[in-house]
PDB file of N, CA and C in Angstrom:
ATOM      1  N   MET A   1      61.479  36.891  65.861  1.00  0.00           N
ATOM      2  CA  MET A   1      62.906  36.815  65.615  1.00  0.00           C
ATOM      3  C   MET A   1      63.434  38.131  65.028  1.00  0.00           C
ATOM      4  N   GLY A   2      62.682  38.680  64.069  1.00  0.00           N
ATOM      5  CA  GLY A   2      63.092  39.952  63.458  1.00  0.00           C
ATOM      6  C   GLY A   2      63.103  41.080  64.469  1.00  0.00           C
ATOM      7  N   LEU A   3      62.130  41.084  65.365  1.00  0.00           N
ATOM      8  CA  LEU A   3      62.058  42.107  66.408  1.00  0.00           C
ATOM      9  C   LEU A   3      63.235  41.997  67.352  1.00  0.00           C
ATOM     10  N   LYS A   4      63.581  40.753  67.672  1.00  0.00           N
ATOM     11  CA  LYS A   4      64.728  40.519  68.570  1.00  0.00           C
ATOM     12  C   LYS A   4      66.009  41.024  67.918  1.00  0.00           C
ATOM     13  N   LEU A   5      66.193  40.745  66.642  1.00  0.00           N
ATOM     14  CA  LEU A   5      67.387  41.212  65.925  1.00  0.00           C
ATOM     15  C   LEU A   5      67.424  42.735  65.849  1.00  0.00           C
ATOM     16  N   THR A   6      66.269  43.338  65.666  1.00  0.00           N
ATOM     17  CA  THR A   6      66.192  44.805  65.616  1.00  0.00           C
ATOM     18  C   THR A   6      66.580  45.408  66.959  1.00  0.00           C
ATOM     19  N   LYS A   7      66.068  44.800  68.027  1.00  0.00           N
ATOM     20  CA  LYS A   7      66.413  45.290  69.374  1.00  0.00           C
ATOM     21  C   LYS A   7      67.901  45.118  69.644  1.00  0.00           C
ATOM     22  N   GLU A   8      68.446  43.981  69.275  1.00  0.00           N
ATOM     23  CA  GLU A   8      69.879  43.743  69.489  1.00  0.00           C
ATOM     24  C   GLU A   8      70.717  44.722  68.665  1.00  0.00           C
ATOM     25  N   ALA A   9      70.261  45.006  67.462  1.00  0.00           N
ATOM     26  CA  ALA A   9      70.981  45.963  66.613  1.00  0.00           C
ATOM     27  C   ALA A   9      70.958  47.343  67.255  1.00  0.00           C
ATOM     28  N   ARG A  10      69.835  47.732  67.805  1.00  0.00           N
ATOM     29  CA  ARG A  10      69.732  49.019  68.498  1.00  0.00           C
ATOM     30  C   ARG A  10      70.640  49.056  69.725  1.00  0.00           C
ATOM     31  N   ILE A  11      70.638  47.951  70.453  1.00  0.00           N
ATOM     32  CA  ILE A  11      71.499  47.878  71.640  1.00  0.00           C
ATOM     33  C   ILE A  11      72.949  48.070  71.240  1.00  0.00           C
ATOM     34  N   TRP A  12      73.373  47.350  70.180  1.00  0.00           N
ATOM     35  CA  TRP A  12      74.769  47.498  69.721  1.00  0.00           C
ATOM     36  C   TRP A  12      75.037  48.914  69.233  1.00  0.00           C
ATOM     37  N   GLU A  13      74.062  49.497  68.581  1.00  0.00           N
ATOM     38  CA  GLU A  13      74.211  50.871  68.105  1.00  0.00           C
ATOM     39  C   GLU A  13      74.383  51.824  69.290  1.00  0.00           C
ATOM     40  N   HIS A  14      73.574  51.628  70.316  1.00  0.00           N
ATOM     41  CA  HIS A  14      73.683  52.470  71.513  1.00  0.00           C
ATOM     42  C   HIS A  14      75.017  52.245  72.227  1.00  0.00           C
ATOM     43  N   LEU A  15      75.445  50.994  72.284  1.00  0.00           N
ATOM     44  CA  LEU A  15      76.735  50.695  72.912  1.00  0.00           C
ATOM     45  C   LEU A  15      77.879  51.365  72.143  1.00  0.00           C
ATOM     46  N   GLU A  16      77.771  51.354  70.819  1.00  0.00           N
ATOM     47  CA  GLU A  16      78.795  52.017  70.006  1.00  0.00           C
ATOM     48  C   GLU A  16      78.773  53.530  70.230  1.00  0.00           C
ATOM     49  N   GLN A  17      77.560  54.075  70.327  1.00  0.00           N
ATOM     50  CA  GLN A  17      77.438  55.510  70.594  1.00  0.00           C
ATOM     51  C   GLN A  17      78.034  55.865  71.957  1.00  0.00           C
ATOM     52  N   VAL A  18      77.754  55.025  72.940  1.00  0.00           N
ATOM     53  CA  VAL A  18      78.300  55.248  74.286  1.00  0.00           C
ATOM     54  C   VAL A  18      79.823  55.177  74.245  1.00  0.00           C
ATOM     55  N   GLU A  19      80.361  54.185  73.548  1.00  0.00           N
ATOM     56  CA  GLU A  19      81.815  54.038  73.451  1.00  0.00           C
ATOM     57  C   GLU A  19      82.435  55.230  72.721  1.00  0.00           C
ATOM     58  N   THR A  20      81.776  55.658  71.642  1.00  0.00           N
ATOM     59  CA  THR A  20      82.263  56.823  70.902  1.00  0.00           C
ATOM     60  C   THR A  20      82.270  58.065  71.797  1.00  0.00           C
ATOM     61  N   GLU A  21      81.203  58.242  72.543  1.00  0.00           N
ATOM     62  CA  GLU A  21      81.111  59.398  73.459  1.00  0.00           C
ATOM     63  C   GLU A  21      82.161  59.300  74.561  1.00  0.00           C
ATOM     64  N   ARG A  22      82.378  58.106  75.069  1.00  0.00           N
ATOM     65  CA  ARG A  22      83.390  57.899  76.110  1.00  0.00           C
ATOM     66  C   ARG A  22      84.780  58.276  75.581  1.00  0.00           C
ATOM     67  N   LEU A  23      85.086  57.809  74.357  1.00  0.00           N
ATOM     68  CA  LEU A  23      86.382  58.127  73.754  1.00  0.00           C
ATOM     69  C   LEU A  23      86.515  59.625  73.496  1.00  0.00           C
ATOM     70  N   LYS A  24      85.421  60.245  73.085  1.00  0.00           N
ATOM     71  CA  LYS A  24      85.425  61.693  72.861  1.00  0.00           C
ATOM     72  C   LYS A  24      85.707  62.443  74.165  1.00  0.00           C
ATOM     73  N   ILE A  25      85.053  62.034  75.226  1.00  0.00           N
ATOM     74  CA  ILE A  25      85.256  62.665  76.537  1.00  0.00           C
ATOM     75  C   ILE A  25      86.689  62.470  77.013  1.00  0.00           C
ATOM     76  N   LEU A  26      87.193  61.246  76.866  1.00  0.00           N
ATOM     77  CA  LEU A  26      88.583  60.986  77.262  1.00  0.00           C
ATOM     78  C   LEU A  26      89.556  61.851  76.476  1.00  0.00           C
ATOM     79  N   SER A  27      89.298  61.999  75.191  1.00  0.00           N
ATOM     80  CA  SER A  27      90.155  62.824  74.346  1.00  0.00           C
ATOM     81  C   SER A  27      90.103  64.294  74.773  1.00  0.00           C
ATOM     82  N   GLU A  28      88.905  64.785  75.042  1.00  0.00           N
ATOM     83  CA  GLU A  28      88.767  66.183  75.474  1.00  0.00           C
ATOM     84  C   GLU A  28      89.471  66.424  76.806  1.00  0.00           C
ATOM     85  N   PHE A  29      89.329  65.484  77.731  1.00  0.00           N
ATOM     86  CA  PHE A  29      90.006  65.640  79.017  1.00  0.00           C
ATOM     87  C   PHE A  29      91.524  65.574  78.865  1.00  0.00           C
ATOM     88  N   GLU A  30      91.997  64.746  77.964  1.00  0.00           N
ATOM     89  CA  GLU A  30      93.440  64.670  77.717  1.00  0.00           C
ATOM     90  C   GLU A  30      93.944  65.995  77.149  1.00  0.00           C
ATOM     91  N   GLN A  31      93.185  66.571  76.238  1.00  0.00           N
ATOM     92  CA  GLN A  31      93.559  67.877  75.682  1.00  0.00           C
ATOM     93  C   GLN A  31      93.574  68.944  76.783  1.00  0.00           C
ATOM     94  N   LEU A  32      92.580  68.895  77.650  1.00  0.00           N
ATOM     95  CA  LEU A  32      92.526  69.851  78.766  1.00  0.00           C
ATOM     96  C   LEU A  32      93.715  69.667  79.703  1.00  0.00           C
ATOM     97  N   ARG A  33      94.062  68.421  79.979  1.00  0.00           N
ATOM     98  CA  ARG A  33      95.226  68.146  80.834  1.00  0.00           C
ATOM     99  C   ARG A  33      96.498  68.711  80.221  1.00  0.00           C
ATOM    100  N   GLN A  34      96.657  68.479  78.918  1.00  0.00           N
ATOM    101  CA  GLN A  34      97.849  68.987  78.230  1.00  0.00           C
ATOM    102  C   GLN A  34      97.884  70.511  78.262  1.00  0.00           C
ATOM    103  N   PHE A  35      96.734  71.131  78.033  1.00  0.00           N
ATOM    104  CA  PHE A  35      96.652  72.585  78.085  1.00  0.00           C
ATOM    105  C   PHE A  35      97.025  73.102  79.474  1.00  0.00           C
ATOM    106  N   LEU A  36      96.459  72.469  80.495  1.00  0.00           N
ATOM    107  CA  LEU A  36      96.733  72.906  81.866  1.00  0.00           C
ATOM    108  C   LEU A  36      98.197  72.685  82.243  1.00  0.00           C
ATOM    109  N   GLU A  37      98.768  71.584  81.799  1.00  0.00           N
ATOM    110  CA  GLU A  37     100.181  71.334  82.085  1.00  0.00           C
ATOM    111  C   GLU A  37     101.066  72.386  81.419  1.00  0.00           C
ATOM    112  N   GLU A  38     100.726  72.756  80.198  1.00  0.00           N
ATOM    113  CA  GLU A  38     101.487  73.792  79.491  1.00  0.00           C
ATOM    114  C   GLU A  38     101.346  75.142  80.205  1.00  0.00           C
ATOM    115  N   GLN A  39     100.127  75.449  80.623  1.00  0.00           N
ATOM    116  CA  GLN A  39      99.907  76.691  81.365  1.00  0.00           C
ATOM    117  C   GLN A  39     100.695  76.690  82.671  1.00  0.00           C
ATOM    118  N   GLU A  40     100.715  75.544  83.333  1.00  0.00           N
ATOM    119  CA  GLU A  40     101.478  75.423  84.575  1.00  0.00           C
ATOM    120  C   GLU A  40     102.959  75.681  84.313  1.00  0.00           C
ATOM    121  N   ARG A  41     103.501  75.068  83.260  1.00  0.00           N
ATOM    122  CA  ARG A  41     104.912  75.277  82.925  1.00  0.00           C
ATOM    123  C   ARG A  41     105.202  76.753  82.641  1.00  0.00           C
ATOM    124  N   LEU A  42     104.320  77.376  81.853  1.00  0.00           N
ATOM    125  CA  LEU A  42     104.515  78.793  81.515  1.00  0.00           C
ATOM    126  C   LEU A  42     104.459  79.684  82.756  1.00  0.00           C
ATOM    127  N   LEU A  43     103.480  79.439  83.603  1.00  0.00           N
ATOM    128  CA  LEU A  43     103.329  80.258  84.802  1.00  0.00           C
ATOM    129  C   LEU A  43     104.478  80.040  85.782  1.00  0.00           C
ATOM    130  N   LEU A  44     104.935  78.804  85.909  1.00  0.00           N
ATOM    131  CA  LEU A  44     106.073  78.540  86.795  1.00  0.00           C
ATOM    132  C   LEU A  44     107.349  79.178  86.256  1.00  0.00           C
ATOM    133  N   ALA A  45     107.514  79.168  84.940  1.00  0.00           N
ATOM    134  CA  ALA A  45     108.685  79.820  84.336  1.00  0.00           C
ATOM    135  C   ALA A  45     108.628  81.325  84.585  1.00  0.00           C
ATOM    136  N   ARG A  46     107.454  81.910  84.425  1.00  0.00           N
ATOM    137  CA  ARG A  46     107.285  83.357  84.671  1.00  0.00           C
ATOM    138  C   ARG A  46     107.544  83.672  86.139  1.00  0.00           C
ATOM    139  N   LEU A  47     107.051  82.830  87.009  1.00  0.00           N
ATOM    140  CA  LEU A  47     107.266  83.021  88.437  1.00  0.00           C
ATOM    141  C   LEU A  47     108.753  82.960  88.779  1.00  0.00           C
ATOM    142  N   GLU A  48     109.466  82.051  88.141  1.00  0.00           N
ATOM    143  CA  GLU A  48     110.901  81.945  88.370  1.00  0.00           C
ATOM    144  C   GLU A  48     111.621  83.212  87.890  1.00  0.00           C
ATOM    145  N   GLU A  49     111.192  83.744  86.724  1.00  0.00           N
ATOM    146  CA  GLU A  49     111.772  84.991  86.229  1.00  0.00           C
ATOM    147  C   GLU A  49     111.534  86.137  87.216  1.00  0.00           C
ATOM    148  N   LEU A  50     110.311  86.214  87.720  1.00  0.00           N
ATOM    149  CA  LEU A  50     109.987  87.264  88.684  1.00  0.00           C
ATOM    150  C   LEU A  50     110.816  87.113  89.963  1.00  0.00           C
ATOM    151  N   ASP A  51     110.997  85.881  90.392  1.00  0.00           N
ATOM    152  CA  ASP A  51     111.799  85.617  91.585  1.00  0.00           C
ATOM    153  C   ASP A  51     113.238  86.088  91.382  1.00  0.00           C
ATOM    154  N   LYS A  52     113.801  85.810  90.203  1.00  0.00           N
ATOM    155  CA  LYS A  52     115.169  86.242  89.907  1.00  0.00           C
ATOM    156  C   LYS A  52     115.255  87.765  89.853  1.00  0.00           C
ATOM    157  N   GLU A  53     114.234  88.401  89.288  1.00  0.00           N
ATOM    158  CA  GLU A  53     114.209  89.864  89.209  1.00  0.00           C
ATOM    159  C   GLU A  53     114.144  90.474  90.611  1.00  0.00           C
ATOM    160  N   ILE A  54     113.344  89.886  91.464  1.00  0.00           N
ATOM    161  CA  ILE A  54     113.234  90.369  92.844  1.00  0.00           C
ATOM    162  C   ILE A  54     114.568  90.212  93.563  1.00  0.00           C
ATOM    163  N   GLU A  55     115.219  89.073  93.384  1.00  0.00           N
ATOM    164  CA  GLU A  55     116.528  88.850  94.007  1.00  0.00           C
ATOM    165  C   GLU A  55     117.549  89.867  93.499  1.00  0.00           C
ATOM    166  N   LYS A  56     117.522  90.131  92.197  1.00  0.00           N
ATOM    167  CA  LYS A  56     118.459  91.094  91.602  1.00  0.00           C
ATOM    168  C   LYS A  56     118.249  92.476  92.202  1.00  0.00           C
ATOM    169  N   ARG A  57     116.989  92.913  92.277  1.00  0.00           N
ATOM    170  CA  ARG A  57     116.687  94.227  92.859  1.00  0.00           C
ATOM    171  C   ARG A  57     117.070  94.282  94.335  1.00  0.00           C
ATOM    172  N   ARG A  58     116.821  93.189  95.046  1.00  0.00           N
ATOM    173  CA  ARG A  58     117.189  93.148  96.462  1.00  0.00           C
ATOM    174  C   ARG A  58     118.699  93.300  96.615  1.00  0.00           C
ATOM    175  N   ASP A  59     119.456  92.577  95.793  1.00  0.00           N
ATOM    176  CA  ASP A  59     120.912  92.666  95.860  1.00  0.00           C
ATOM    177  C   ASP A  59     121.393  94.072  95.517  1.00  0.00           C
ATOM    178  N   GLU A  60     120.766  94.707  94.517  1.00  0.00           N
ATOM    179  CA  GLU A  60     121.128  96.079  94.153  1.00  0.00           C
ATOM    180  C   GLU A  60     120.835  97.032  95.311  1.00  0.00           C
ATOM    181  N   ASN A  61     119.680  96.859  95.942  1.00  0.00           N
ATOM    182  CA  ASN A  61     119.315  97.719  97.078  1.00  0.00           C
ATOM    183  C   ASN A  61     120.273  97.524  98.250  1.00  0.00           C
ATOM    184  N   ILE A  62     120.657  96.293  98.505  1.00  0.00           N
ATOM    185  CA  ILE A  62     121.605  96.020  99.590  1.00  0.00           C
ATOM    186  C   ILE A  62     122.943  96.682  99.288  1.00  0.00           C
ATOM    187  N   ALA A  63     123.379  96.593  98.033  1.00  0.00           N
ATOM    188  CA  ALA A  63     124.653  97.216  97.657  1.00  0.00           C
ATOM    189  C   ALA A  63     124.587  98.731  97.855  1.00  0.00           C
ATOM    190  N   LYS A  64     123.468  99.354  97.451  1.00  0.00           N
ATOM    191  CA  LYS A  64     123.307 100.803  97.647  1.00  0.00           C
ATOM    192  C   LYS A  64     123.328 101.159  99.125  1.00  0.00           C
ATOM    193  N   LEU A  65     122.590 100.380  99.916  1.00  0.00           N
ATOM    194  CA  LEU A  65     122.543 100.657 101.358  1.00  0.00           C
ATOM    195  C   LEU A  65     123.917 100.512 101.999  1.00  0.00           C
ATOM    196  N   LEU A  66     124.668  99.500 101.592  1.00  0.00           N
ATOM    197  CA  LEU A  66     126.014  99.319 102.139  1.00  0.00           C
ATOM    198  C   LEU A  66     126.924 100.482 101.757  1.00  0.00           C
ATOM    199  N   GLU A  67     126.757 100.963 100.532  1.00  0.00           N
ATOM    200  CA  GLU A  67     127.556 102.114 100.084  1.00  0.00           C
ATOM    201  C   GLU A  67     127.198 103.358 100.891  1.00  0.00           C
ATOM    202  N   GLU A  68     125.904 103.583 101.080  1.00  0.00           N
ATOM    203  CA  GLU A  68     125.462 104.726 101.879  1.00  0.00           C
ATOM    204  C   GLU A  68     125.927 104.597 103.331  1.00  0.00           C
ATOM    205  N   LEU A  69     125.863 103.406 103.858  1.00  0.00           N
ATOM    206  CA  LEU A  69     126.316 103.167 105.227  1.00  0.00           C
ATOM    207  C   LEU A  69     127.802 103.460 105.358  1.00  0.00           C
ATOM    208  N   SER A  70     128.555 103.066 104.369  1.00  0.00           N
ATOM    209  CA  SER A  70     129.993 103.341 104.375  1.00  0.00           C
ATOM    210  C   SER A  70     130.251 104.846 104.351  1.00  0.00           C
ATOM    211  N   CYS A  71     129.518 105.577 103.516  1.00  0.00           N
ATOM    212  CA  CYS A  71     129.659 107.034 103.463  1.00  0.00           C
ATOM    213  C   CYS A  71     129.290 107.664 104.803  1.00  0.00           C
ATOM    214  N   LEU A  72     128.212 107.197 105.403  1.00  0.00           N
ATOM    215  CA  LEU A  72     127.802 107.738 106.705  1.00  0.00           C
ATOM    216  C   LEU A  72     128.850 107.443 107.777  1.00  0.00           C
ATOM    217  N   ASN A  73     129.420 106.243 107.737  1.00  0.00           N
ATOM    218  CA  ASN A  73     130.476 105.908 108.700  1.00  0.00           C
ATOM    219  C   ASN A  73     131.688 106.819 108.513  1.00  0.00           C
ATOM    220  N   ASP A  74     132.031 107.115 107.264  1.00  0.00           N
ATOM    221  CA  ASP A  74     133.140 108.030 106.991  1.00  0.00           C
ATOM    222  C   ASP A  74     132.834 109.420 107.544  1.00  0.00           C
ATOM    223  N   MET A  75     131.599 109.894 107.326  1.00  0.00           N
ATOM    224  CA  MET A  75     131.219 111.218 107.853  1.00  0.00           C
ATOM    225  C   MET A  75     131.244 111.242 109.374  1.00  0.00           C
ATOM    226  N   ILE A  76     130.769 110.179 109.983  1.00  0.00           N
ATOM    227  CA  ILE A  76     130.774 110.092 111.447  1.00  0.00           C
ATOM    228  C   ILE A  76     132.204 110.143 111.962  1.00  0.00           C
ATOM    229  N   SER A  77     133.087 109.383 111.334  1.00  0.00           N
ATOM    230  CA  SER A  77     134.499 109.382 111.743  1.00  0.00           C
ATOM    231  C   SER A  77     135.100 110.768 111.583  1.00  0.00           C
ATOM    232  N   GLU A  78     134.785 111.427 110.477  1.00  0.00           N
ATOM    233  CA  GLU A  78     135.310 112.776 110.235  1.00  0.00           C
ATOM    234  C   GLU A  78     134.799 113.748 111.288  1.00  0.00           C
ATOM    235  N   LEU A  79     133.505 113.667 111.594  1.00  0.00           N
ATOM    236  CA  LEU A  79     132.932 114.559 112.614  1.00  0.00           C
ATOM    237  C   LEU A  79     133.495 114.259 113.995  1.00  0.00           C
ATOM    238  N   GLU A  80     133.677 112.983 114.312  1.00  0.00           N
ATOM    239  CA  GLU A  80     134.265 112.635 115.610  1.00  0.00           C
ATOM    240  C   GLU A  80     135.681 113.180 115.716  1.00  0.00           C
ATOM    241  N   GLY A  81     136.414 113.111 114.587  1.00  0.00           N
ATOM    242  CA  GLY A  81     137.775 113.665 114.571  1.00  0.00           C
ATOM    243  C   GLY A  81     137.754 115.161 114.785  1.00  0.00           C
ATOM    244  N   LYS A  82     136.825 115.851 114.164  1.00  0.00           N
ATOM    245  CA  LYS A  82     136.712 117.298 114.319  1.00  0.00           C
ATOM    246  C   LYS A  82     136.318 117.662 115.748  1.00  0.00           C
ATOM    247  N   CYS A  83     135.487 116.826 116.350  1.00  0.00           N
ATOM    248  CA  CYS A  83     135.069 117.095 117.734  1.00  0.00           C
ATOM    249  C   CYS A  83     136.254 116.982 118.708  1.00  0.00           C
ATOM    250  N   GLN A  84     137.271 116.232 118.351  1.00  0.00           N
ATOM    251  CA  GLN A  84     138.437 116.044 119.206  1.00  0.00           C
ATOM    252  C   GLN A  84     139.417 117.223 119.095  1.00  0.00           C
ATOM    253  N   GLN A  85     139.227 118.057 118.079  1.00  0.00           N
ATOM    254  CA  GLN A  85     140.126 119.200 117.899  1.00  0.00           C
ATOM    255  C   GLN A  85     139.846 120.262 118.973  1.00  0.00           C
ATOM    256  N   PRO A  86     140.833 121.030 119.249  1.00  0.00           N
ATOM    257  CA  PRO A  86     140.601 122.169 120.160  1.00  0.00           C
ATOM    258  C   PRO A  86     139.558 123.095 119.540  1.00  0.00           C
ATOM    259  N   GLY A  87     138.875 123.837 120.352  1.00  0.00           N
ATOM    260  CA  GLY A  87     137.785 124.691 119.925  1.00  0.00           C
ATOM    261  C   GLY A  87     138.199 125.693 118.844  1.00  0.00           C
ATOM    262  N   SER A  88     139.375 126.273 118.989  1.00  0.00           N
ATOM    263  CA  SER A  88     139.788 127.290 118.014  1.00  0.00           C
ATOM    264  C   SER A  88     139.991 126.654 116.622  1.00  0.00           C
ATOM    265  N   GLU A  89     140.578 125.447 116.564  1.00  0.00           N
ATOM    266  CA  GLU A  89     140.752 124.778 115.269  1.00  0.00           C
ATOM    267  C   GLU A  89     139.405 124.339 114.700  1.00  0.00           C
ATOM    268  N   PHE A  90     138.538 123.893 115.574  1.00  0.00           N
ATOM    269  CA  PHE A  90     137.230 123.400 115.120  1.00  0.00           C
ATOM    270  C   PHE A  90     136.439 124.539 114.484  1.00  0.00           C
ATOM    271  N   LEU A  91     136.501 125.733 115.069  1.00  0.00           N
ATOM    272  CA  LEU A  91     135.760 126.864 114.538  1.00  0.00           C
ATOM    273  C   LEU A  91     136.313 127.353 113.202  1.00  0.00           C
ATOM    274  N   GLN A  92     137.591 127.126 112.984  1.00  0.00           N
ATOM    275  CA  GLN A  92     138.160 127.549 111.715  1.00  0.00           C
ATOM    276  C   GLN A  92     137.776 126.578 110.644  1.00  0.00           C
TER     277      GLN A  92
END
């Protein structure tokens, strides 16, 4: 009878150890999940900032190109006008 009680006590002790370890593992995985979710939020926020910066630079570049294109169109118009002048006026 004493041996049986000792074995049962050991079994319960092992079951408690298993449960404690299970809870520990669950807790560690929950912490890891929270960490990963936070990292995901941070990285997505950074990615969004980079996306906005890229859009801003693209818009600035487009504005510069449009300005340059306008200047080139003005020069082309001026040169076409000069080409229509008589030769003597054009040379002056």
